[in-house]
C-alpha atoms as a PDB file:
ATOM      1  CA  SER A   1       0.000   0.000   0.000  1.00  0.00           C
ATOM      2  CA  GLY A   2       0.949   3.707  -0.189  1.00  0.00           C
ATOM      3  CA  THR A   3       1.831   4.046   3.519  1.00  0.00           C
ATOM      4  CA  ARG A   4       4.180   1.051   3.419  1.00  0.00           C
ATOM      5  CA  LEU A   5       5.962   2.450   0.345  1.00  0.00           C
ATOM      6  CA  GLY A   6       6.375   5.815   2.120  1.00  0.00           C
ATOM      7  CA  LEU A   7       7.925   4.164   5.187  1.00  0.00           C
ATOM      8  CA  TYR A   8      10.302   2.137   2.998  1.00  0.00           C
ATOM      9  CA  THR A   9      11.589   5.193   1.096  1.00  0.00           C
ATOM     10  CA  ALA A  10      12.056   7.122   4.366  1.00  0.00           C
ATOM     11  CA  ARG A  11      14.382   4.398   5.671  1.00  0.00           C
ATOM     12  CA  LEU A  12      16.606   4.649   2.606  1.00  0.00           C
ATOM     13  CA  SER A  13      19.657   6.934   2.529  1.00  0.00           C
ATOM     14  CA  PRO A  14      18.721  10.601   1.975  1.00  0.00           C
ATOM     15  CA  HIS A  15      21.152  10.668  -0.985  1.00  0.00           C
ATOM     16  CA  LEU A  16      19.152   7.970  -2.773  1.00  0.00           C
ATOM     17  CA  CYS A  17      15.901   9.832  -2.191  1.00  0.00           C
ATOM     18  CA  LYS A  18      17.273  13.102  -3.561  1.00  0.00           C
ATOM     19  CA  MET A  19      18.793  11.537  -6.682  1.00  0.00           C
ATOM     20  CA  ALA A  20      17.174  12.972  -9.810  1.00  0.00           C
ATOM     21  CA  VAL A  21      16.844  11.342 -13.210  1.00  0.00           C
ATOM     22  CA  GLY A  22      19.259  12.397 -15.966  1.00  0.00           C
ATOM     23  CA  LYS A  23      21.853  14.132 -13.718  1.00  0.00           C
ATOM     24  CA  ASN A  24      24.776  11.716 -14.306  1.00  0.00           C
ATOM     25  CA  LYS A  25      25.147  12.374 -18.023  1.00  0.00           C
ATOM     26  CA  ARG A  26      28.953  11.775 -18.050  1.00  0.00           C
ATOM     27  CA  MET A  27      28.814   8.237 -16.641  1.00  0.00           C
ATOM     28  CA  SER A  28      28.639   6.607 -20.040  1.00  0.00           C
ATOM     29  CA  LYS A  29      31.413   8.793 -21.520  1.00  0.00           C
ATOM     30  CA  GLY A  30      35.169   8.425 -20.985  1.00  0.00           C
ATOM     31  CA  LYS A  31      37.464  10.735 -18.993  1.00  0.00           C
ATOM     32  CA  LYS A  32      37.307  14.432 -19.796  1.00  0.00           C
ATOM     33  CA  GLY A  33      39.931  15.547 -22.326  1.00  0.00           C
ATOM     34  CA  GLY A  34      40.814  12.017 -23.398  1.00  0.00           C
ATOM     35  CA  LYS A  35      44.065  10.160 -22.644  1.00  0.00           C
ATOM     36  CA  LYS A  36      47.217  12.295 -22.956  1.00  0.00           C
ATOM     37  CA  LYS A  37      50.084  10.953 -25.019  1.00  0.00           C
ATOM     38  CA  ALA A  38      52.990   9.909 -22.784  1.00  0.00           C
ATOM     39  CA  GLN A  39      55.932  12.202 -23.480  1.00  0.00           C
ATOM     40  CA  ASP A  40      59.569  11.424 -22.769  1.00  0.00           C
ATOM     41  CA  VAL A  41      60.602  13.659 -19.848  1.00  0.00           C
ATOM     42  CA  PHE A  42      64.252  13.565 -20.896  1.00  0.00           C
ATOM     43  CA  LEU A  43      63.511  15.503 -24.093  1.00  0.00           C
ATOM     44  CA  LYS A  44      63.075  18.593 -21.898  1.00  0.00           C
ATOM     45  CA  LYS A  45      66.376  18.023 -20.038  1.00  0.00           C
ATOM     46  CA  GLU A  46      69.993  18.873 -20.784  1.00  0.00           C
ATOM     47  CA  TRP A  47      73.351  17.727 -19.381  1.00  0.00           C
ATOM     48  CA  TYR A  48      75.979  19.904 -17.676  1.00  0.00           C
ATOM     49  CA  ASP A  49      79.575  19.081 -16.646  1.00  0.00           C
ATOM     50  CA  VAL A  50      80.319  19.380 -12.924  1.00  0.00           C
ATOM     51  CA  LYS A  51      83.745  20.944 -12.309  1.00  0.00           C
ATOM     52  CA  ALA A  52      85.640  20.560  -9.025  1.00  0.00           C
ATOM     53  CA  PRO A  53      87.789  23.388  -7.577  1.00  0.00           C
ATOM     54  CA  SER A  54      91.577  23.399  -8.139  1.00  0.00           C
ATOM     55  CA  MET A  55      92.363  21.964  -4.657  1.00  0.00           C
ATOM     56  CA  PHE A  56      91.519  18.522  -6.125  1.00  0.00           C
ATOM     57  CA  SER A  57      93.560  16.789  -8.831  1.00  0.00           C
ATOM     58  CA  VAL A  58      90.540  15.595 -10.888  1.00  0.00           C
ATOM     59  CA  LYS A  59      88.566  18.519 -12.332  1.00  0.00           C
ATOM     60  CA  GLN A  60      85.715  16.629 -14.015  1.00  0.00           C
ATOM     61  CA  VAL A  61      83.506  15.286 -11.210  1.00  0.00           C
ATOM     62  CA  GLY A  62      80.661  14.056 -13.373  1.00  0.00           C
ATOM     63  CA  LYS A  63      77.515  15.249 -15.146  1.00  0.00           C
ATOM     64  CA  THR A  64      74.204  16.585 -13.900  1.00  0.00           C
ATOM     65  CA  LEU A  65      70.756  16.895 -15.419  1.00  0.00           C
ATOM     66  CA  VAL A  66      68.493  19.941 -15.450  1.00  0.00           C
ATOM     67  CA  THR A  67      65.317  21.115 -17.233  1.00  0.00           C
ATOM     68  CA  LYS A  68      66.019  23.288 -20.294  1.00  0.00           C
ATOM     69  CA  THR A  69      65.406  27.030 -20.221  1.00  0.00           C
ATOM     70  CA  ALA A  70      61.738  27.760 -20.901  1.00  0.00           C
ATOM     71  CA  GLY A  71      60.441  31.346 -20.860  1.00  0.00           C
ATOM     72  CA  THR A  72      61.539  33.126 -17.696  1.00  0.00           C
ATOM     73  CA  LYS A  73      62.628  29.888 -15.967  1.00  0.00           C
ATOM     74  CA  LEU A  74      66.378  29.566 -16.615  1.00  0.00           C
ATOM     75  CA  SER A  75      68.179  26.221 -16.436  1.00  0.00           C
ATOM     76  CA  SER A  76      71.078  27.856 -14.535  1.00  0.00           C
ATOM     77  CA  ASP A  77      68.684  28.828 -11.704  1.00  0.00           C
ATOM     78  CA  GLY A  78      67.808  25.167 -11.274  1.00  0.00           C
ATOM     79  CA  LEU A  79      71.504  24.322 -10.882  1.00  0.00           C
ATOM     80  CA  LYS A  80      72.681  27.071  -8.509  1.00  0.00           C
ATOM     81  CA  GLY A  81      72.802  25.890  -4.917  1.00  0.00           C
ATOM     82  CA  ARG A  82      72.781  22.218  -5.916  1.00  0.00           C
ATOM     83  CA  ILE A  83      75.131  20.124  -3.730  1.00  0.00           C
ATOM     84  CA  PHE A  84      77.114  17.215  -5.174  1.00  0.00           C
ATOM     85  CA  GLU A  85      78.611  14.463  -3.043  1.00  0.00           C
ATOM     86  CA  ALA A  86      81.864  12.937  -4.266  1.00  0.00           C
ATOM     87  CA  SER A  87      84.368  10.525  -2.762  1.00  0.00           C
ATOM     88  CA  LEU A  88      87.844  11.955  -2.169  1.00  0.00           C
ATOM     89  CA  ALA A  89      89.221   8.805  -3.839  1.00  0.00           C
ATOM     90  CA  ASP A  90      87.625   9.959  -7.122  1.00  0.00           C
ATOM     91  CA  LEU A  91      88.592  13.615  -6.689  1.00  0.00           C
ATOM     92  CA  ASN A  92      92.273  12.893  -5.966  1.00  0.00           C
ATOM     93  CA  ALA A  93      92.588   9.572  -7.849  1.00  0.00           C
ATOM     94  CA  ASP A  94      93.769   7.913  -4.626  1.00  0.00           C
ATOM     95  CA  GLU A  95      91.952   4.804  -3.397  1.00  0.00           C
ATOM     96  CA  ASP A  96      93.297   5.144   0.174  1.00  0.00           C
ATOM     97  CA  GLN A  97      91.132   8.235   0.714  1.00  0.00           C
ATOM     98  CA  ALA A  98      87.844   6.512  -0.167  1.00  0.00           C
ATOM     99  CA  PHE A  99      86.482   6.938   3.388  1.00  0.00           C
ATOM    100  CA  ARG A 100      86.105  10.726   2.994  1.00  0.00           C
ATOM    101  CA  LYS A 101      83.040  12.249   1.335  1.00  0.00           C
ATOM    102  CA  MET A 102      83.369  15.758  -0.075  1.00  0.00           C
ATOM    103  CA  PHE A 103      80.418  18.069  -0.694  1.00  0.00           C
ATOM    104  CA  LEU A 104      80.644  20.487  -3.631  1.00  0.00           C
ATOM    105  CA  LYS A 105      78.121  23.297  -4.029  1.00  0.00           C
ATOM    106  CA  CYS A 106      77.219  24.823  -7.405  1.00  0.00           C
ATOM    107  CA  GLU A 107      78.094  28.535  -7.259  1.00  0.00           C
ATOM    108  CA  ASP A 108      77.953  29.560 -10.929  1.00  0.00           C
ATOM    109  CA  VAL A 109      77.177  28.211 -14.410  1.00  0.00           C
ATOM    110  CA  GLN A 110      79.364  29.111 -17.403  1.00  0.00           C
ATOM    111  CA  GLY A 111      78.343  27.613 -20.723  1.00  0.00           C
ATOM    112  CA  LYS A 112      77.905  23.892 -20.052  1.00  0.00           C
ATOM    113  CA  ASN A 113      80.167  23.943 -16.979  1.00  0.00           C
ATOM    114  CA  VAL A 114      78.863  23.929 -13.421  1.00  0.00           C
ATOM    115  CA  LEU A 115      81.486  25.664 -11.251  1.00  0.00           C
ATOM    116  CA  THR A 116      81.458  24.290  -7.719  1.00  0.00           C
ATOM    117  CA  ASN A 117      83.074  25.279  -4.444  1.00  0.00           C
ATOM    118  CA  TRP A 118      83.900  23.147  -1.416  1.00  0.00           C
ATOM    119  CA  ALA A 119      80.868  22.930   0.903  1.00  0.00           C
ATOM    120  CA  GLY A 120      81.902  20.509   3.640  1.00  0.00           C
ATOM    121  CA  MET A 121      83.031  16.948   4.229  1.00  0.00           C
ATOM    122  CA  ASP A 122      82.123  13.821   6.160  1.00  0.00           C
ATOM    123  CA  PHE A 123      83.289  10.274   6.906  1.00  0.00           C
ATOM    124  CA  THR A 124      81.668   7.199   5.390  1.00  0.00           C
ATOM    125  CA  THR A 125      79.657   5.209   7.937  1.00  0.00           C
ATOM    126  CA  ASP A 126      81.728   2.039   7.529  1.00  0.00           C
ATOM    127  CA  LYS A 127      84.984   3.875   8.366  1.00  0.00           C
ATOM    128  CA  LEU A 128      83.438   5.438  11.472  1.00  0.00           C
ATOM    129  CA  ARG A 129      82.116   2.055  12.637  1.00  0.00           C
ATOM    130  CA  SER A 130      85.513   0.400  12.053  1.00  0.00           C
ATOM    131  CA  LEU A 131      87.238   2.890  14.390  1.00  0.00           C
ATOM    132  CA  VAL A 132      84.959   2.321  17.399  1.00  0.00           C
ATOM    133  CA  ARG A 133      86.230  -0.603  19.513  1.00  0.00           C
ATOM    134  CA  LYS A 134      85.888  -2.144  22.961  1.00  0.00           C
ATOM    135  CA  TRP A 135      88.238  -1.305  25.857  1.00  0.00           C
ATOM    136  CA  PHE A 136      89.124   2.184  24.534  1.00  0.00           C
ATOM    137  CA  SER A 137      87.698   5.622  25.375  1.00  0.00           C
ATOM    138  CA  LEU A 138      86.124   7.582  22.523  1.00  0.00           C
ATOM    139  CA  ILE A 139      86.648  11.348  22.736  1.00  0.00           C
ATOM    140  CA  GLU A 140      84.635  13.729  20.545  1.00  0.00           C
ATOM    141  CA  THR A 141      84.380  17.488  20.284  1.00  0.00           C
ATOM    142  CA  PHE A 142      83.298  20.223  17.883  1.00  0.00           C
ATOM    143  CA  VAL A 143      84.186  23.891  17.592  1.00  0.00           C
ATOM    144  CA  ASP A 144      82.964  26.849  15.471  1.00  0.00           C
ATOM    145  CA  VAL A 145      85.833  28.735  13.806  1.00  0.00           C
ATOM    146  CA  LYS A 146      85.985  31.688  11.400  1.00  0.00           C
ATOM    147  CA  THR A 147      88.511  31.510   8.535  1.00  0.00           C
ATOM    148  CA  THR A 148      90.463  34.481   7.156  1.00  0.00           C
ATOM    149  CA  ASP A 149      88.082  34.730   4.159  1.00  0.00           C
ATOM    150  CA  GLN A 150      85.006  35.025   6.477  1.00  0.00           C
ATOM    151  CA  TYR A 151      83.698  31.447   6.291  1.00  0.00           C
ATOM    152  CA  THR A 152      82.313  30.104   9.591  1.00  0.00           C
ATOM    153  CA  LEU A 153      83.104  26.397   9.879  1.00  0.00           C
ATOM    154  CA  ARG A 154      81.901  23.878  12.432  1.00  0.00           C
ATOM    155  CA  VAL A 155      84.712  21.338  12.798  1.00  0.00           C
ATOM    156  CA  PHE A 156      84.025  17.941  14.404  1.00  0.00           C
ATOM    157  CA  CYS A 157      86.937  15.936  15.810  1.00  0.00           C
ATOM    158  CA  ILE A 158      87.121  12.313  16.972  1.00  0.00           C
ATOM    159  CA  GLY A 159      89.915  10.470  18.792  1.00  0.00           C
ATOM    160  CA  PHE A 160      90.550   7.248  20.734  1.00  0.00           C
ATOM    161  CA  THR A 161      92.807   6.336  23.625  1.00  0.00           C
ATOM    162  CA  LYS A 162      95.855   4.180  22.918  1.00  0.00           C
ATOM    163  CA  ARG A 163      97.560   1.358  24.800  1.00  0.00           C
ATOM    164  CA  ARG A 164     100.931   2.385  26.291  1.00  0.00           C
ATOM    165  CA  MET A 165     104.082   0.505  25.262  1.00  0.00           C
ATOM    166  CA  ASP A 166     104.599  -1.349  28.573  1.00  0.00           C
ATOM    167  CA  GLN A 167     100.902  -1.663  29.509  1.00  0.00           C
ATOM    168  CA  ALA A 168      99.682  -4.966  30.983  1.00  0.00           C
ATOM    169  CA  LYS A 169      96.114  -3.856  31.719  1.00  0.00           C
ATOM    170  CA  ARG A 170      93.527  -4.875  29.162  1.00  0.00           C
ATOM    171  CA  THR A 171      91.503  -1.631  29.129  1.00  0.00           C
ATOM    172  CA  CYS A 172      92.591   1.871  28.113  1.00  0.00           C
ATOM    173  CA  TYR A 173      89.954   4.090  29.670  1.00  0.00           C
ATOM    174  CA  ALA A 174      90.818   7.744  30.258  1.00  0.00           C
ATOM    175  CA  GLN A 175      89.454   9.455  33.370  1.00  0.00           C
ATOM    176  CA  SER A 176      86.740  12.099  32.905  1.00  0.00           C
ATOM    177  CA  GLY A 177      89.186  14.835  33.993  1.00  0.00           C
ATOM    178  CA  GLN A 178      91.705  13.702  31.362  1.00  0.00           C
ATOM    179  CA  ILE A 179      88.948  13.610  28.701  1.00  0.00           C
ATOM    180  CA  ARG A 180      88.025  17.225  29.556  1.00  0.00           C
ATOM    181  CA  GLN A 181      91.682  18.258  29.234  1.00  0.00           C
ATOM    182  CA  ILE A 182      92.020  16.444  25.882  1.00  0.00           C
ATOM    183  CA  ARG A 183      88.833  18.123  24.574  1.00  0.00           C
ATOM    184  CA  LYS A 184      90.175  21.517  25.593  1.00  0.00           C
ATOM    185  CA  LYS A 185      93.483  20.849  23.776  1.00  0.00           C
ATOM    186  CA  MET A 186      91.591  19.607  20.694  1.00  0.00           C
ATOM    187  CA  ASN A 187      89.537  22.823  20.569  1.00  0.00           C
ATOM    188  CA  GLU A 188      92.667  24.973  20.986  1.00  0.00           C
ATOM    189  CA  VAL A 189      94.563  23.206  18.178  1.00  0.00           C
ATOM    190  CA  ILE A 190      91.577  23.298  15.768  1.00  0.00           C
ATOM    191  CA  THR A 191      90.910  27.013  16.439  1.00  0.00           C
ATOM    192  CA  ARG A 192      94.586  27.905  15.973  1.00  0.00           C
ATOM    193  CA  GLU A 193      95.024  25.907  12.758  1.00  0.00           C
ATOM    194  CA  VAL A 194      91.729  26.843  11.054  1.00  0.00           C
ATOM    195  CA  SER A 195      91.450  30.552  11.978  1.00  0.00           C
ATOM    196  CA  THR A 196      94.846  31.449  10.446  1.00  0.00           C
ATOM    197  CA  CYS A 197      94.043  30.116   6.936  1.00  0.00           C
ATOM    198  CA  ASP A 198      91.497  30.669   4.189  1.00  0.00           C
ATOM    199  CA  LEU A 199      89.036  27.977   3.024  1.00  0.00           C
ATOM    200  CA  LYS A 200      91.288  26.511   0.299  1.00  0.00           C
ATOM    201  CA  GLU A 201      94.278  26.166   2.652  1.00  0.00           C
ATOM    202  CA  ASN A 202      92.049  24.556   5.288  1.00  0.00           C
ATOM    203  CA  VAL A 203      90.763  21.926   2.851  1.00  0.00           C
ATOM    204  CA  LEU A 204      94.370  21.100   1.971  1.00  0.00           C
ATOM    205  CA  LYS A 205      95.014  20.692   5.727  1.00  0.00           C
ATOM    206  CA  PHE A 206      91.971  18.456   6.289  1.00  0.00           C
ATOM    207  CA  ILE A 207      92.882  15.994   3.502  1.00  0.00           C
ATOM    208  CA  PRO A 208      96.311  14.778   4.817  1.00  0.00           C
ATOM    209  CA  GLU A 209      95.036  14.971   8.461  1.00  0.00           C
ATOM    210  CA  VAL A 210      97.601  17.578   9.574  1.00  0.00           C
ATOM    211  CA  ILE A 211      95.386  18.741  12.469  1.00  0.00           C
ATOM    212  CA  GLY A 212      94.778  15.174  13.727  1.00  0.00           C
ATOM    213  CA  LYS A 213      98.524  14.462  13.942  1.00  0.00           C
ATOM    214  CA  GLU A 214      99.092  17.774  15.764  1.00  0.00           C
ATOM    215  CA  ILE A 215      96.376  16.873  18.331  1.00  0.00           C
ATOM    216  CA  GLU A 216      98.005  13.455  18.932  1.00  0.00           C
ATOM    217  CA  LYS A 217     101.349  15.162  19.587  1.00  0.00           C
ATOM    218  CA  VAL A 218      99.882  17.803  21.955  1.00  0.00           C
ATOM    219  CA  CYS A 219      97.746  15.343  23.966  1.00  0.00           C
ATOM    220  CA  ALA A 220     100.437  12.643  24.389  1.00  0.00           C
ATOM    221  CA  GLY A 221     101.318  14.053  27.832  1.00  0.00           C
ATOM    222  CA  ILE A 222      97.729  13.757  29.102  1.00  0.00           C
ATOM    223  CA  TYR A 223      96.875  10.341  27.621  1.00  0.00           C
ATOM    224  CA  PRO A 224      98.271   8.723  24.432  1.00  0.00           C
ATOM    225  CA  LEU A 225      95.798   8.951  21.525  1.00  0.00           C
ATOM    226  CA  GLN A 226      95.323   7.125  18.223  1.00  0.00           C
ATOM    227  CA  ASN A 227      93.038   7.478  15.176  1.00  0.00           C
ATOM    228  CA  VAL A 228      92.502  11.219  15.698  1.00  0.00           C
ATOM    229  CA  TYR A 229      90.559  12.602  12.716  1.00  0.00           C
ATOM    230  CA  ILE A 230      88.661  15.676  11.646  1.00  0.00           C
ATOM    231  CA  ARG A 231      85.638  13.524  10.861  1.00  0.00           C
ATOM    232  CA  LYS A 232      83.225  16.207   9.656  1.00  0.00           C
ATOM    233  CA  VAL A 233      83.182  19.871   8.626  1.00  0.00           C
ATOM    234  CA  LYS A 234      80.073  21.993   8.012  1.00  0.00           C
ATOM    235  CA  ILE A 235      79.903  25.512   6.566  1.00  0.00           C
ATOM    236  CA  LEU A 236      77.604  27.523   8.852  1.00  0.00           C
ATOM    237  CA  LYS A 237      78.067  30.933   7.219  1.00  0.00           C
ATOM    238  CA  SER A 238      79.691  31.939   3.963  1.00  0.00           C
ATOM    239  CA  PRO A 239      80.553  35.411   2.621  1.00  0.00           C
ATOM    240  CA  LYS A 240      78.717  37.101  -0.251  1.00  0.00           C
ATOM    241  CA  PHE A 241      79.264  35.357  -3.603  1.00  0.00           C
ATOM    242  CA  ASP A 242      82.221  36.760  -5.553  1.00  0.00           C
ATOM    243  CA  VAL A 243      82.835  35.571  -9.161  1.00  0.00           C
ATOM    244  CA  THR A 244      86.514  36.636  -9.192  1.00  0.00           C
ATOM    245  CA  LYS A 245      87.263  34.502  -6.118  1.00  0.00           C
ATOM    246  CA  LEU A 246      85.483  31.531  -7.679  1.00  0.00           C
ATOM    247  CA  MET A 247      87.493  31.932 -10.891  1.00  0.00           C
ATOM    248  CA  GLU A 248      90.708  31.975  -8.842  1.00  0.00           C
ATOM    249  CA  VAL A 249      89.754  28.583  -7.456  1.00  0.00           C
ATOM    250  CA  HIS A 250      88.754  27.177 -10.857  1.00  0.00           C
ATOM    251  CA  GLY A 251      90.913  28.747 -13.552  1.00  0.00           C
ATOM    252  CA  ASP A 252      89.751  29.136 -17.156  1.00  0.00           C
ATOM    253  CA  TYR A 253      87.745  26.503 -19.028  1.00  0.00           C
ATOM    254  CA  SER A 254      87.397  28.480 -22.290  1.00  0.00           C
ATOM    255  CA  GLY A 255      90.196  26.558 -24.048  1.00  0.00           C
ATOM    256  CA  GLU A 256      88.586  23.179 -23.407  1.00  0.00           C
ATOM    257  CA  GLU A 257      87.629  20.903 -26.269  1.00  0.00           C
ATOM    258  CA  VAL A 258      83.891  20.860 -26.767  1.00  0.00           C
ATOM    259  CA  GLY A 259      82.297  17.753 -28.278  1.00  0.00           C
ATOM    260  CA  LYS A 260      80.811  18.046 -31.778  1.00  0.00           C
ATOM    261  CA  LYS A 261      77.058  18.249 -32.184  1.00  0.00           C
ATOM    262  CA  VAL A 262      75.336  14.919 -32.733  1.00  0.00           C
ATOM    263  CA  GLU A 263      72.293  14.783 -34.979  1.00  0.00           C
ATOM    264  CA  ARG A 264      69.188  13.523 -33.229  1.00  0.00           C
ATOM    265  CA  PRO A 265      67.292  10.536 -34.755  1.00  0.00           C
ATOM    266  CA  ALA A 266      64.262  11.480 -36.897  1.00  0.00           C
ATOM    267  CA  GLU A 267      61.694   9.681 -34.695  1.00  0.00           C
ATOM    268  CA  GLU A 268      62.781  11.706 -31.620  1.00  0.00           C
ATOM    269  CA  LYS A 269      62.400  14.940 -33.567  1.00  0.00           C
ATOM    270  CA  THR A 270      58.844  14.107 -34.595  1.00  0.00           C
ATOM    271  CA  GLU A 271      57.914  13.225 -30.994  1.00  0.00           C
ATOM    272  CA  GLU A 272      59.241  16.560 -29.751  1.00  0.00           C
ATOM    273  CA  GLU A 273      57.367  18.529 -32.456  1.00  0.00           C
ATOM    274  CA  ALA A 274      54.155  16.689 -31.588  1.00  0.00           C
END
């Protein structure tokens, strides 16, 4: 009867009751605009050569990819500020230095060359893990130092106690007072060595571990140390960008051989035009 039908429709969802005939006209049709043709993303990209500063023996670090210039969006803007991570073994062609990672920051783009500057360094995890051992004290410290060319660096140092020549005891733990003294000496040596040089000279000091050897020598009277390294360096503040200073670090790339232009296959051309 009519009353039963009314009760039944009232129990239904309000959305079903409100649904009008002929509203969903698009249900039978496909998606709006049709399926877009898949385009190769790499057609809009171009390659640039990454150049390392002159403090490293290998100048060509590698290549990097960036979207081509389109309208007001320049490809060089997409590259500036980009940080590249490279192993020191590759930069100096020396396999013994593979445990150091160097960070290079893109400062400027000239032609197809990305000119980088040193932006910090770190240890590989496996090297750090291999140094930490039982029965020895681990001593760590960090200090913020300003270089002569107005870079503020945060330098992290790590060191371990060493067994004395005639020692019979199994462990080599330094007392907390000795650790405090060693930390103080570490900070003094780092501040003295870093604050008297510019960034380039400091990088050349970090690579052969000059500061680590100096710390070992100074702290020998407190407690003998081994495996003293500058394990990490961060740049906290850098001066205003100066092209002339960057060119001093890099030299001139204008005389370099540039590869000849390769003709693109016809099918790629048609895809790009489409």
